[in-house]
C-alpha atoms as a PDB file:
ATOM      1  CA  UNK A   1      26.243 -26.814  80.395  1.00  0.00           C
ATOM      2  CA  UNK A   2      24.176 -23.658  80.576  1.00  0.00           C
ATOM      3  CA  UNK A   3      20.297 -22.857  80.693  1.00  0.00           C
ATOM      4  CA  UNK A   4      18.124 -19.856  79.801  1.00  0.00           C
ATOM      5  CA  UNK A   5      15.762 -18.417  82.367  1.00  0.00           C
ATOM      6  CA  UNK A   6      14.123 -15.264  83.405  1.00  0.00           C
ATOM      7  CA  UNK A   7      15.020 -12.500  85.766  1.00  0.00           C
ATOM      8  CA  UNK A   8      12.775  -9.824  87.312  1.00  0.00           C
ATOM      9  CA  UNK A   9      14.338  -6.231  87.856  1.00  0.00           C
ATOM     10  CA  UNK A  10      13.200  -3.917  90.343  1.00  0.00           C
ATOM     11  CA  UNK A  11      10.813  -2.126  88.367  1.00  0.00           C
ATOM     12  CA  UNK A  12       9.254  -5.637  87.626  1.00  0.00           C
ATOM     13  CA  UNK A  13      10.601  -5.847  84.015  1.00  0.00           C
ATOM     14  CA  UNK A  14      11.191  -9.663  83.069  1.00  0.00           C
ATOM     15  CA  UNK A  15      14.090 -10.156  81.021  1.00  0.00           C
ATOM     16  CA  UNK A  16      15.834 -13.288  79.750  1.00  0.00           C
ATOM     17  CA  UNK A  17      19.415 -14.415  81.014  1.00  0.00           C
ATOM     18  CA  UNK A  18      21.745 -17.490  80.489  1.00  0.00           C
ATOM     19  CA  UNK A  19      23.167 -19.298  83.486  1.00  0.00           C
ATOM     20  CA  UNK A  20      25.958 -22.017  83.759  1.00  0.00           C
ATOM     21  CA  UNK A  21      26.673 -23.818  86.795  1.00  0.00           C
ATOM     22  CA  UNK A  22      29.900 -25.524  87.894  1.00  0.00           C
ATOM     23  CA  UNK A  23      29.973 -29.385  88.315  1.00  0.00           C
ATOM     24  CA  UNK A  24      30.359 -28.817  92.164  1.00  0.00           C
ATOM     25  CA  UNK A  25      29.754 -26.318  94.583  1.00  0.00           C
ATOM     26  CA  UNK A  26      30.318 -22.771  93.496  1.00  0.00           C
ATOM     27  CA  UNK A  27      33.329 -20.490  94.549  1.00  0.00           C
ATOM     28  CA  UNK A  28      30.914 -17.694  94.042  1.00  0.00           C
ATOM     29  CA  UNK A  29      28.837 -15.826  91.348  1.00  0.00           C
ATOM     30  CA  UNK A  30      29.834 -13.935  88.214  1.00  0.00           C
ATOM     31  CA  UNK A  31      27.648 -11.661  86.216  1.00  0.00           C
ATOM     32  CA  UNK A  32      28.651 -11.552  82.683  1.00  0.00           C
ATOM     33  CA  UNK A  33      27.904  -8.492  80.560  1.00  0.00           C
ATOM     34  CA  UNK A  34      27.475  -8.704  76.800  1.00  0.00           C
ATOM     35  CA  UNK A  35      28.983  -6.637  74.288  1.00  0.00           C
ATOM     36  CA  UNK A  36      26.679  -4.912  71.743  1.00  0.00           C
ATOM     37  CA  UNK A  37      25.774  -8.277  70.079  1.00  0.00           C
ATOM     38  CA  UNK A  38      23.635  -9.576  72.692  1.00  0.00           C
ATOM     39  CA  UNK A  39      23.912 -12.695  74.946  1.00  0.00           C
ATOM     40  CA  UNK A  40      25.237 -14.517  71.830  1.00  0.00           C
ATOM     41  CA  UNK A  41      27.376 -17.811  71.542  1.00  0.00           C
ATOM     42  CA  UNK A  42      30.571 -16.057  72.473  1.00  0.00           C
ATOM     43  CA  UNK A  43      28.890 -14.574  75.791  1.00  0.00           C
ATOM     44  CA  UNK A  44      27.324 -18.027  76.659  1.00  0.00           C
ATOM     45  CA  UNK A  45      30.819 -19.541  75.956  1.00  0.00           C
ATOM     46  CA  UNK A  46      32.266 -17.030  78.602  1.00  0.00           C
ATOM     47  CA  UNK A  47      29.613 -18.061  81.014  1.00  0.00           C
ATOM     48  CA  UNK A  48      30.562 -21.748  80.295  1.00  0.00           C
ATOM     49  CA  UNK A  49      34.045 -20.961  80.911  1.00  0.00           C
ATOM     50  CA  UNK A  50      33.684 -19.343  84.296  1.00  0.00           C
ATOM     51  CA  UNK A  51      31.572 -22.333  85.269  1.00  0.00           C
ATOM     52  CA  UNK A  52      34.446 -24.458  84.521  1.00  0.00           C
ATOM     53  CA  UNK A  53      36.630 -22.583  86.666  1.00  0.00           C
ATOM     54  CA  UNK A  54      34.039 -22.960  89.609  1.00  0.00           C
ATOM     55  CA  UNK A  55      31.899 -20.130  89.618  1.00  0.00           C
ATOM     56  CA  UNK A  56      28.058 -19.928  88.821  1.00  0.00           C
ATOM     57  CA  UNK A  57      27.822 -17.370  85.862  1.00  0.00           C
ATOM     58  CA  UNK A  58      24.615 -15.419  84.611  1.00  0.00           C
ATOM     59  CA  UNK A  59      24.623 -13.249  81.671  1.00  0.00           C
ATOM     60  CA  UNK A  60      21.479 -10.980  81.555  1.00  0.00           C
ATOM     61  CA  UNK A  61      19.941  -9.927  78.462  1.00  0.00           C
ATOM     62  CA  UNK A  62      20.219  -6.046  78.922  1.00  0.00           C
ATOM     63  CA  UNK A  63      18.837  -5.196  75.518  1.00  0.00           C
ATOM     64  CA  UNK A  64      15.603  -6.968  76.080  1.00  0.00           C
ATOM     65  CA  UNK A  65      13.878  -3.704  77.033  1.00  0.00           C
ATOM     66  CA  UNK A  66      14.640  -2.761  73.331  1.00  0.00           C
ATOM     67  CA  UNK A  67      14.446  -5.942  71.306  1.00  0.00           C
ATOM     68  CA  UNK A  68      13.860  -9.258  73.199  1.00  0.00           C
ATOM     69  CA  UNK A  69      15.988 -12.097  72.581  1.00  0.00           C
ATOM     70  CA  UNK A  70      18.475  -9.858  70.318  1.00  0.00           C
ATOM     71  CA  UNK A  71      21.828 -11.765  69.389  1.00  0.00           C
ATOM     72  CA  UNK A  72      23.762 -11.453  66.473  1.00  0.00           C
ATOM     73  CA  UNK A  73      27.537 -12.409  65.100  1.00  0.00           C
ATOM     74  CA  UNK A  74      30.306 -10.122  63.716  1.00  0.00           C
ATOM     75  CA  UNK A  75      30.001  -9.295  60.288  1.00  0.00           C
ATOM     76  CA  UNK A  76      30.127  -5.606  59.158  1.00  0.00           C
ATOM     77  CA  UNK A  77      26.258  -5.509  58.475  1.00  0.00           C
ATOM     78  CA  UNK A  78      25.609  -7.151  61.939  1.00  0.00           C
ATOM     79  CA  UNK A  79      28.212  -4.808  63.956  1.00  0.00           C
ATOM     80  CA  UNK A  80      26.474  -1.745  62.120  1.00  0.00           C
ATOM     81  CA  UNK A  81      22.901  -2.992  63.098  1.00  0.00           C
ATOM     82  CA  UNK A  82      23.907  -3.795  66.625  1.00  0.00           C
ATOM     83  CA  UNK A  83      25.218  -0.138  67.137  1.00  0.00           C
ATOM     84  CA  UNK A  84      21.753   1.140  67.205  1.00  0.00           C
ATOM     85  CA  UNK A  85      21.584  -0.243  70.814  1.00  0.00           C
ATOM     86  CA  UNK A  86      24.164   2.063  72.002  1.00  0.00           C
ATOM     87  CA  UNK A  87      23.167   5.184  70.081  1.00  0.00           C
ATOM     88  CA  UNK A  88      21.180   6.637  73.253  1.00  0.00           C
ATOM     89  CA  UNK A  89      22.028   3.884  75.899  1.00  0.00           C
ATOM     90  CA  UNK A  90      19.645   3.792  78.951  1.00  0.00           C
ATOM     91  CA  UNK A  91      22.456   3.023  81.521  1.00  0.00           C
ATOM     92  CA  UNK A  92      20.014   3.150  84.465  1.00  0.00           C
ATOM     93  CA  UNK A  93      17.666   0.549  83.017  1.00  0.00           C
ATOM     94  CA  UNK A  94      20.585  -1.589  82.040  1.00  0.00           C
ATOM     95  CA  UNK A  95      22.014  -1.290  85.851  1.00  0.00           C
ATOM     96  CA  UNK A  96      18.384  -2.436  87.018  1.00  0.00           C
ATOM     97  CA  UNK A  97      18.815  -5.383  85.116  1.00  0.00           C
ATOM     98  CA  UNK A  98      22.382  -6.157  86.276  1.00  0.00           C
ATOM     99  CA  UNK A  99      21.215  -5.721  89.872  1.00  0.00           C
ATOM    100  CA  UNK A 100      18.792  -8.486  89.322  1.00  0.00           C
ATOM    101  CA  UNK A 101      21.503 -10.906  88.001  1.00  0.00           C
ATOM    102  CA  UNK A 102      23.542  -9.817  91.212  1.00  0.00           C
ATOM    103  CA  UNK A 103      20.595 -10.544  93.329  1.00  0.00           C
ATOM    104  CA  UNK A 104      19.928 -14.151  91.666  1.00  0.00           C
ATOM    105  CA  UNK A 105      23.640 -14.999  92.239  1.00  0.00           C
ATOM    106  CA  UNK A 106      23.954 -13.972  95.817  1.00  0.00           C
ATOM    107  CA  UNK A 107      22.916 -17.491  97.000  1.00  0.00           C
ATOM    108  CA  UNK A 108      25.915 -18.930  95.504  1.00  0.00           C
ATOM    109  CA  UNK A 109      28.223 -16.832  97.720  1.00  0.00           C
ATOM    110  CA  UNK A 110      30.071 -13.497  96.856  1.00  0.00           C
ATOM    111  CA  UNK A 111      29.586 -12.013  93.508  1.00  0.00           C
ATOM    112  CA  UNK A 112      31.690 -10.263  90.951  1.00  0.00           C
ATOM    113  CA  UNK A 113      30.990  -8.878  87.408  1.00  0.00           C
ATOM    114  CA  UNK A 114      32.826  -9.189  84.202  1.00  0.00           C
ATOM    115  CA  UNK A 115      32.017  -7.265  81.016  1.00  0.00           C
ATOM    116  CA  UNK A 116      33.326  -6.930  77.521  1.00  0.00           C
ATOM    117  CA  UNK A 117      32.949  -3.631  75.297  1.00  0.00           C
ATOM    118  CA  UNK A 118      29.748  -1.910  76.405  1.00  0.00           C
ATOM    119  CA  UNK A 119      29.717  -4.477  79.160  1.00  0.00           C
ATOM    120  CA  UNK A 120      33.028  -3.453  80.263  1.00  0.00           C
ATOM    121  CA  UNK A 121      31.446   0.200  80.939  1.00  0.00           C
ATOM    122  CA  UNK A 122      28.664  -1.426  82.532  1.00  0.00           C
ATOM    123  CA  UNK A 123      30.741  -3.531  84.679  1.00  0.00           C
ATOM    124  CA  UNK A 124      32.736  -0.134  85.766  1.00  0.00           C
ATOM    125  CA  UNK A 125      29.392   1.550  86.325  1.00  0.00           C
ATOM    126  CA  UNK A 126      27.972  -1.401  88.438  1.00  0.00           C
ATOM    127  CA  UNK A 127      31.070  -1.359  90.500  1.00  0.00           C
ATOM    128  CA  UNK A 128      30.490   2.399  91.311  1.00  0.00           C
ATOM    129  CA  UNK A 129      26.756   2.310  91.846  1.00  0.00           C
ATOM    130  CA  UNK A 130      25.238  -1.277  92.703  1.00  0.00           C
ATOM    131  CA  UNK A 131      25.176  -3.094  95.788  1.00  0.00           C
ATOM    132  CA  UNK A 132      25.964  -6.482  96.513  1.00  0.00           C
ATOM    133  CA  UNK A 133      29.512  -6.856  94.449  1.00  0.00           C
ATOM    134  CA  UNK A 134      32.838  -7.865  95.487  1.00  0.00           C
ATOM    135  CA  UNK A 135      34.919  -7.224  92.270  1.00  0.00           C
ATOM    136  CA  UNK A 136      34.509  -5.913  88.839  1.00  0.00           C
ATOM    137  CA  UNK A 137      36.290  -7.011  85.801  1.00  0.00           C
ATOM    138  CA  UNK A 138      36.369  -4.633  82.690  1.00  0.00           C
ATOM    139  CA  UNK A 139      37.514  -5.542  79.159  1.00  0.00           C
ATOM    140  CA  UNK A 140      37.710  -2.532  76.803  1.00  0.00           C
ATOM    141  CA  UNK A 141      34.912  -0.482  77.936  1.00  0.00           C
ATOM    142  CA  UNK A 142      34.677   2.440  75.666  1.00  0.00           C
ATOM    143  CA  UNK A 143      32.776   4.748  78.062  1.00  0.00           C
ATOM    144  CA  UNK A 144      34.904   4.486  81.193  1.00  0.00           C
ATOM    145  CA  UNK A 145      36.842   7.416  80.252  1.00  0.00           C
ATOM    146  CA  UNK A 146      33.870   9.442  80.380  1.00  0.00           C
ATOM    147  CA  UNK A 147      32.811   8.053  83.856  1.00  0.00           C
ATOM    148  CA  UNK A 148      36.064   7.781  85.226  1.00  0.00           C
ATOM    149  CA  UNK A 149      35.491  10.514  87.938  1.00  0.00           C
ATOM    150  CA  UNK A 150      33.236   7.896  89.708  1.00  0.00           C
ATOM    151  CA  UNK A 151      34.945   5.960  92.279  1.00  0.00           C
ATOM    152  CA  UNK A 152      34.296   1.950  92.513  1.00  0.00           C
ATOM    153  CA  UNK A 153      32.936   0.587  95.710  1.00  0.00           C
ATOM    154  CA  UNK A 154      34.913  -2.553  94.990  1.00  0.00           C
ATOM    155  CA  UNK A 155      38.186  -3.734  93.728  1.00  0.00           C
ATOM    156  CA  UNK A 156      38.144  -3.116  89.940  1.00  0.00           C
ATOM    157  CA  UNK A 157      40.631  -4.627  87.087  1.00  0.00           C
ATOM    158  CA  UNK A 158      40.531  -3.040  83.368  1.00  0.00           C
ATOM    159  CA  UNK A 159      42.026  -4.701  80.240  1.00  0.00           C
ATOM    160  CA  UNK A 160      42.819  -2.408  77.212  1.00  0.00           C
ATOM    161  CA  UNK A 161      44.210  -3.078  73.635  1.00  0.00           C
ATOM    162  CA  UNK A 162      46.911  -0.744  72.477  1.00  0.00           C
ATOM    163  CA  UNK A 163      45.703  -0.677  69.034  1.00  0.00           C
ATOM    164  CA  UNK A 164      42.022  -0.322  69.772  1.00  0.00           C
ATOM    165  CA  UNK A 165      40.693   2.119  67.242  1.00  0.00           C
ATOM    166  CA  UNK A 166      37.765   2.776  69.284  1.00  0.00           C
ATOM    167  CA  UNK A 167      39.391   3.670  72.655  1.00  0.00           C
ATOM    168  CA  UNK A 168      42.469   5.955  72.136  1.00  0.00           C
ATOM    169  CA  UNK A 169      45.365   5.620  74.590  1.00  0.00           C
ATOM    170  CA  UNK A 170      44.687   9.097  75.578  1.00  0.00           C
ATOM    171  CA  UNK A 171      41.298   7.724  77.205  1.00  0.00           C
ATOM    172  CA  UNK A 172      43.127   4.918  78.930  1.00  0.00           C
ATOM    173  CA  UNK A 173      45.846   7.595  80.192  1.00  0.00           C
ATOM    174  CA  UNK A 174      42.937   9.583  81.480  1.00  0.00           C
ATOM    175  CA  UNK A 175      41.648   6.783  83.409  1.00  0.00           C
ATOM    176  CA  UNK A 176      45.004   5.939  84.759  1.00  0.00           C
ATOM    177  CA  UNK A 177      45.286   9.227  86.136  1.00  0.00           C
ATOM    178  CA  UNK A 178      42.069   9.157  87.676  1.00  0.00           C
ATOM    179  CA  UNK A 179      41.637   5.563  88.760  1.00  0.00           C
ATOM    180  CA  UNK A 180      45.248   4.204  88.722  1.00  0.00           C
ATOM    181  CA  UNK A 181      45.270   4.410  92.675  1.00  0.00           C
ATOM    182  CA  UNK A 182      42.139   2.001  93.107  1.00  0.00           C
ATOM    183  CA  UNK A 183      41.850   0.002  89.860  1.00  0.00           C
ATOM    184  CA  UNK A 184      44.309  -2.406  88.265  1.00  0.00           C
ATOM    185  CA  UNK A 185      44.744  -1.225  84.508  1.00  0.00           C
ATOM    186  CA  UNK A 186      46.346  -3.330  81.981  1.00  0.00           C
ATOM    187  CA  UNK A 187      47.236  -2.519  78.357  1.00  0.00           C
ATOM    188  CA  UNK A 188      48.088  -4.940  75.644  1.00  0.00           C
ATOM    189  CA  UNK A 189      50.553  -4.298  72.966  1.00  0.00           C
ATOM    190  CA  UNK A 190      49.333  -5.072  69.476  1.00  0.00           C
ATOM    191  CA  UNK A 191      45.854  -5.926  70.671  1.00  0.00           C
ATOM    192  CA  UNK A 192      42.802  -4.185  69.102  1.00  0.00           C
ATOM    193  CA  UNK A 193      39.281  -3.848  70.220  1.00  0.00           C
ATOM    194  CA  UNK A 194      37.448  -7.268  70.964  1.00  0.00           C
ATOM    195  CA  UNK A 195      40.798  -9.042  71.360  1.00  0.00           C
ATOM    196  CA  UNK A 196      39.301 -11.544  73.857  1.00  0.00           C
ATOM    197  CA  UNK A 197      36.525 -12.957  71.626  1.00  0.00           C
ATOM    198  CA  UNK A 198      37.989 -15.843  69.493  1.00  0.00           C
ATOM    199  CA  UNK A 199      35.097 -15.485  67.021  1.00  0.00           C
ATOM    200  CA  UNK A 200      36.226 -12.127  65.905  1.00  0.00           C
ATOM    201  CA  UNK A 201      39.007 -11.047  63.460  1.00  0.00           C
ATOM    202  CA  UNK A 202      40.403  -8.884  66.062  1.00  0.00           C
ATOM    203  CA  UNK A 203      41.248 -11.797  68.437  1.00  0.00           C
ATOM    204  CA  UNK A 204      44.682 -11.723  69.822  1.00  0.00           C
ATOM    205  CA  UNK A 205      45.513 -14.987  71.462  1.00  0.00           C
ATOM    206  CA  UNK A 206      48.495 -13.940  73.605  1.00  0.00           C
ATOM    207  CA  UNK A 207      46.646 -10.923  74.838  1.00  0.00           C
ATOM    208  CA  UNK A 208      43.425 -13.026  75.606  1.00  0.00           C
ATOM    209  CA  UNK A 209      45.271 -15.612  77.447  1.00  0.00           C
ATOM    210  CA  UNK A 210      47.163 -13.280  79.727  1.00  0.00           C
ATOM    211  CA  UNK A 211      44.212 -11.177  80.347  1.00  0.00           C
ATOM    212  CA  UNK A 212      41.974 -14.177  81.322  1.00  0.00           C
ATOM    213  CA  UNK A 213      44.975 -15.474  83.711  1.00  0.00           C
ATOM    214  CA  UNK A 214      45.069 -11.978  85.216  1.00  0.00           C
ATOM    215  CA  UNK A 215      41.148 -11.926  85.530  1.00  0.00           C
ATOM    216  CA  UNK A 216      41.087 -15.525  87.209  1.00  0.00           C
ATOM    217  CA  UNK A 217      43.781 -14.512  89.775  1.00  0.00           C
ATOM    218  CA  UNK A 218      42.029 -11.253  90.439  1.00  0.00           C
ATOM    219  CA  UNK A 219      38.540 -13.090  91.033  1.00  0.00           C
ATOM    220  CA  UNK A 220      40.394 -15.685  93.278  1.00  0.00           C
ATOM    221  CA  UNK A 221      41.644 -12.817  95.475  1.00  0.00           C
ATOM    222  CA  UNK A 222      38.216 -10.882  95.771  1.00  0.00           C
ATOM    223  CA  UNK A 223      35.573 -13.339  95.401  1.00  0.00           C
ATOM    224  CA  UNK A 224      35.770 -15.393  98.522  1.00  0.00           C
END
């Protein structure tokens, strides 16, 4: 369903991206932001799924500045290797790449952003800092708590797993205290980090289904 193409950021850097389009006219566009595993099979599948929901979806390869075309799976060795990309993340550069994806989708109507893990944090930062978005959906963004003093410019929805070993509930409570008035924040009992990804051992079907239903209702309300 999808295809690979090239985006050009504001500093003229060219990065790869994956795009999936609906069968008919698009309701709008969704920028999909990867986990630390690159624009891999799972992220491409999310784009394809969003296209099935009627949206044009673009996943920019935000690690291309460090290692072009990087993608991997979820073995312990692959996870350990992928962590190097976020040891000292250049959020500014990644946001420039995200802005290029937003700009590419504008012709398809209003644009939202959806991100997972590292991408969840980028989605929140994009909602606060970037232009051209209508809404943001953030799945288990581990650095949101550190940035929760920033106020999103657009409606924002967040999803966290109660059993997430890398995002303590104290972080989620801090986010609720600072952003509860302007963000929808959901916590899923028994769900771990990565609960949305059906290719990982942490997949939790009930939480994933409910979070997706909430995400689609949120997008339907705000991307129009």
